[in-house]
Amino acid sequence: MSNEGRLVRVHYVGTLDDGTTFDSSRDRDEPLEFVCMAGMMIPGFDATVREMEVGQTRRVRLEPEQAYGPRRADMVRTFRVSELPGSEELVGGQRVMLGGPHGQPIPALVAEKTEEAVTLDLNHEMAGKALTFEIELLGADDAERHHCCGNGHGNCCGGEGRGHHHQDGGCHHGEGHGDECCGNHGEGCCHGDE
């Protein structure tokens, strides 16, 4: 049975090719909940969970196209220091948060800084990387029993249309991640009916 459209609860451990763990719900002892195939997750993670059964554990390696996409040269931009108030204090290698057109935070890496200019890399920090996930499906419920936190977005979490992986076990306000949850509920984007 497909889990598409169902509210699923998973534990996961994400690692890079060198074995480094970059994220783990198990380390936080906090399962992740999301509506499967609703665009809330990176494509490969969603597709894996869609075909799983409750209690099953799967290990999957995702190429960048099924994760955060390839690195894009057009996402590296250079600005005059005078165009970015406060950029005088920035240093190369620093991670900063910029304000997007709708007020959403956009993480960036200061790739280079001179007295006259600052170059910002707006690529997701996991862009261009293959990711391996060990995923355990803990539960799957009909999504109709839950409602989205809304706030004007087309799905529960705002993003760039592609979806993404929750890096902090709930809302998207973890450091270094470009999306934040549209809701005010600390336990995640969707919550059960009261």
Protein backbone atom coordinates (compact mmCIF):
# COMPACT_ATOMS: atom_id res chain seq x y z
CA MET A 1 0.00 0.00 0.00
CA SER A 2 1.34 3.41 -0.95
CA ASN A 3 1.89 6.02 1.75
CA GLU A 4 1.30 8.89 -0.68
CA GLY A 5 -0.87 11.55 0.98
CA ARG A 6 -0.56 9.93 4.40
CA LEU A 7 0.91 11.54 7.50
CA VAL A 8 4.00 9.47 8.20
CA ARG A 9 6.35 9.34 11.17
CA VAL A 10 9.95 8.25 10.64
CA HIS A 11 13.32 8.00 12.31
CA TYR A 12 16.27 8.62 10.01
CA VAL A 13 20.04 8.95 10.00
CA GLY A 14 21.63 10.89 7.13
CA THR A 15 25.26 10.37 6.17
CA LEU A 16 27.67 11.60 3.52
CA ASP A 17 29.82 9.33 1.35
CA ASP A 18 32.72 9.64 3.79
CA GLY A 19 30.51 8.26 6.58
CA THR A 20 29.97 11.60 8.34
CA THR A 21 26.52 11.91 9.91
CA PHE A 22 25.00 15.26 8.89
CA ASP A 23 21.59 14.80 10.51
CA SER A 24 19.83 12.27 12.71
CA SER A 25 16.38 12.22 14.28
CA ARG A 26 17.62 9.36 16.47
CA ASP A 27 20.29 11.58 18.02
CA ARG A 28 17.52 14.00 18.99
CA ASP A 29 15.18 11.12 19.94
CA GLU A 30 12.54 13.04 18.00
CA PRO A 31 10.80 11.32 15.06
CA LEU A 32 9.98 13.40 11.99
CA GLU A 33 6.37 13.76 10.78
CA PHE A 34 5.37 14.85 7.29
CA VAL A 35 2.72 14.24 4.64
CA CYS A 36 4.27 11.82 2.16
CA MET A 37 4.67 13.16 -1.42
CA ALA A 38 3.27 16.59 -0.46
CA GLY A 39 6.48 18.40 -1.46
CA MET A 40 7.66 18.80 2.12
CA MET A 41 10.72 16.58 1.67
CA ILE A 42 13.50 16.10 -0.84
CA PRO A 43 12.24 13.92 -3.72
CA GLY A 44 14.24 10.75 -3.04
CA PHE A 45 13.36 10.69 0.66
CA ASP A 46 9.66 11.09 -0.16
CA ALA A 47 9.75 8.37 -2.84
CA THR A 48 11.47 5.91 -0.50
CA VAL A 49 8.97 6.40 2.32
CA ARG A 50 6.05 6.16 -0.14
CA GLU A 51 6.81 2.47 -0.75
CA MET A 52 7.67 1.46 2.84
CA GLU A 53 5.59 -0.51 5.34
CA VAL A 54 5.27 0.43 9.01
CA GLY A 55 8.10 -1.18 10.95
CA GLN A 56 10.35 -1.43 7.89
CA THR A 57 13.85 0.08 7.76
CA ARG A 58 15.45 0.98 4.43
CA ARG A 59 18.84 2.35 3.47
CA VAL A 60 18.94 4.50 0.34
CA ARG A 61 21.66 6.53 -1.37
CA LEU A 62 20.35 9.62 -3.16
CA GLU A 63 22.22 11.37 -5.95
CA PRO A 64 22.08 15.19 -5.83
CA GLU A 65 19.18 15.29 -8.33
CA GLN A 66 17.04 13.37 -5.82
CA ALA A 67 18.31 15.37 -2.84
CA TYR A 68 19.15 19.09 -2.83
CA GLY A 69 20.03 19.32 -6.50
CA PRO A 70 23.35 20.18 -8.18
CA ARG A 71 25.39 23.21 -7.20
CA ARG A 72 24.38 26.16 -9.37
CA ALA A 73 26.83 28.85 -10.46
CA ASP A 74 24.00 31.38 -10.73
CA MET A 75 23.43 31.03 -6.98
CA VAL A 76 26.85 32.60 -6.29
CA ARG A 77 26.48 36.36 -6.44
CA THR A 78 28.75 39.32 -5.84
CA PHE A 79 27.46 42.57 -4.34
CA ARG A 80 29.07 45.89 -3.56
CA VAL A 81 29.49 46.28 0.19
CA SER A 82 27.51 49.52 -0.08
CA GLU A 83 24.50 47.52 -1.38
CA LEU A 84 24.33 45.32 1.72
CA PRO A 85 24.04 47.25 4.98
CA GLY A 86 26.15 45.60 7.69
CA SER A 87 28.23 43.60 5.22
CA GLU A 88 31.34 45.56 6.24
CA GLU A 89 31.65 43.20 9.20
CA LEU A 90 31.39 39.96 7.22
CA VAL A 91 34.35 37.60 6.82
CA GLY A 92 35.01 34.80 4.35
CA GLY A 93 33.64 31.42 5.42
CA GLN A 94 30.94 32.94 7.61
CA ARG A 95 27.34 31.68 7.38
CA VAL A 96 24.71 34.41 7.38
CA MET A 97 20.94 34.72 7.03
CA LEU A 98 19.51 37.06 4.42
CA GLY A 99 15.91 38.23 4.19
CA GLY A 100 13.99 36.89 1.18
CA PRO A 101 11.38 38.83 -0.82
CA HIS A 102 8.56 37.50 1.38
CA GLY A 103 10.47 37.88 4.64
CA GLN A 104 11.67 34.27 4.73
CA PRO A 105 15.25 33.67 5.89
CA ILE A 106 17.73 32.63 3.20
CA PRO A 107 21.01 31.12 4.40
CA ALA A 108 24.17 32.09 2.59
CA LEU A 109 27.89 31.43 2.83
CA VAL A 110 30.30 34.35 2.53
CA ALA A 111 32.49 32.90 -0.22
CA GLU A 112 34.78 35.94 -0.53
CA LYS A 113 35.03 39.38 1.02
CA THR A 114 37.07 42.43 0.06
CA GLU A 115 36.75 46.04 1.16
CA GLU A 116 34.61 46.81 -1.89
CA ALA A 117 32.65 43.60 -2.52
CA VAL A 118 31.19 40.51 -0.91
CA THR A 119 30.47 37.25 -2.75
CA LEU A 120 27.64 35.15 -1.33
CA ASP A 121 26.97 31.49 -2.12
CA LEU A 122 23.21 30.89 -1.87
CA ASN A 123 23.38 27.19 -2.73
CA HIS A 124 22.01 24.86 -0.07
CA GLU A 125 24.96 23.51 1.91
CA MET A 126 24.04 19.97 0.79
CA ALA A 127 23.68 20.91 -2.91
CA GLY A 128 25.80 18.75 -5.19
CA LYS A 129 26.23 16.01 -2.58
CA ALA A 130 25.04 12.43 -2.61
CA LEU A 131 23.24 11.60 0.63
CA THR A 132 22.58 8.24 2.27
CA PHE A 133 19.60 7.80 4.58
CA GLU A 134 18.67 4.97 6.87
CA ILE A 135 14.92 5.39 7.34
CA GLU A 136 12.58 3.53 9.70
CA LEU A 137 8.85 4.02 9.15
CA LEU A 138 7.25 4.24 12.59
CA GLY A 139 3.69 5.05 11.57
CA ALA A 140 1.38 6.16 8.77
CA ASP A 141 -2.05 7.75 9.27
CA ASP A 142 -4.64 9.20 6.95
CA ALA A 143 -3.73 12.86 6.45
CA GLU A 144 -7.41 13.89 6.64
CA ARG A 145 -7.13 13.50 10.40
CA HIS A 146 -4.60 16.30 10.44
CA HIS A 147 -4.65 19.81 9.10
CA CYS A 148 -1.95 21.98 7.64
CA CYS A 149 -0.69 24.97 9.53
CA GLY A 150 -1.27 27.02 6.37
CA ASN A 151 -0.44 30.72 6.55
CA GLY A 152 -0.83 31.23 2.83
CA HIS A 153 1.60 28.65 1.51
CA GLY A 154 0.61 25.99 -1.00
CA ASN A 155 1.77 23.28 1.35
CA CYS A 156 2.75 23.05 4.98
CA CYS A 157 6.28 24.28 4.64
CA GLY A 158 7.39 27.10 2.40
CA GLY A 159 10.37 26.52 0.18
CA GLU A 160 11.51 26.78 -3.39
CA GLY A 161 8.83 24.45 -4.74
CA ARG A 162 10.99 21.35 -4.62
CA GLY A 163 10.58 20.38 -0.98
CA HIS A 164 13.42 19.57 1.31
CA HIS A 165 14.46 17.48 4.23
CA HIS A 166 13.71 18.68 7.74
CA GLN A 167 17.11 19.27 9.27
CA ASP A 168 15.96 19.96 12.81
CA GLY A 169 13.24 17.37 13.30
CA GLY A 170 10.34 19.76 12.92
CA CYS A 171 9.96 23.28 11.66
CA HIS A 172 12.45 24.73 9.22
CA HIS A 173 14.28 27.14 11.45
CA GLY A 174 17.47 25.18 11.98
CA GLU A 175 20.72 26.96 11.39
CA GLY A 176 22.04 26.91 7.86
CA HIS A 177 18.78 25.84 6.23
CA GLY A 178 16.84 28.01 3.85
CA ASP A 179 13.27 27.32 4.81
CA GLU A 180 11.26 27.82 7.91
CA CYS A 181 7.98 26.30 8.93
CA CYS A 182 4.94 28.41 8.21
CA GLY A 183 3.32 27.40 11.52
CA ASN A 184 3.67 28.29 15.13
CA HIS A 185 3.60 24.76 16.45
CA GLY A 186 6.97 23.67 17.75
CA GLU A 187 6.31 20.00 17.06
CA GLY A 188 6.20 20.35 13.28
CA CYS A 189 4.37 21.75 10.32
CA CYS A 190 1.23 19.68 10.58
CA HIS A 191 -0.58 18.86 13.76
CA GLY A 192 -3.53 16.73 14.73
CA ASP A 193 -7.04 18.07 15.19
CA GLU A 194 -7.65 19.16 18.70
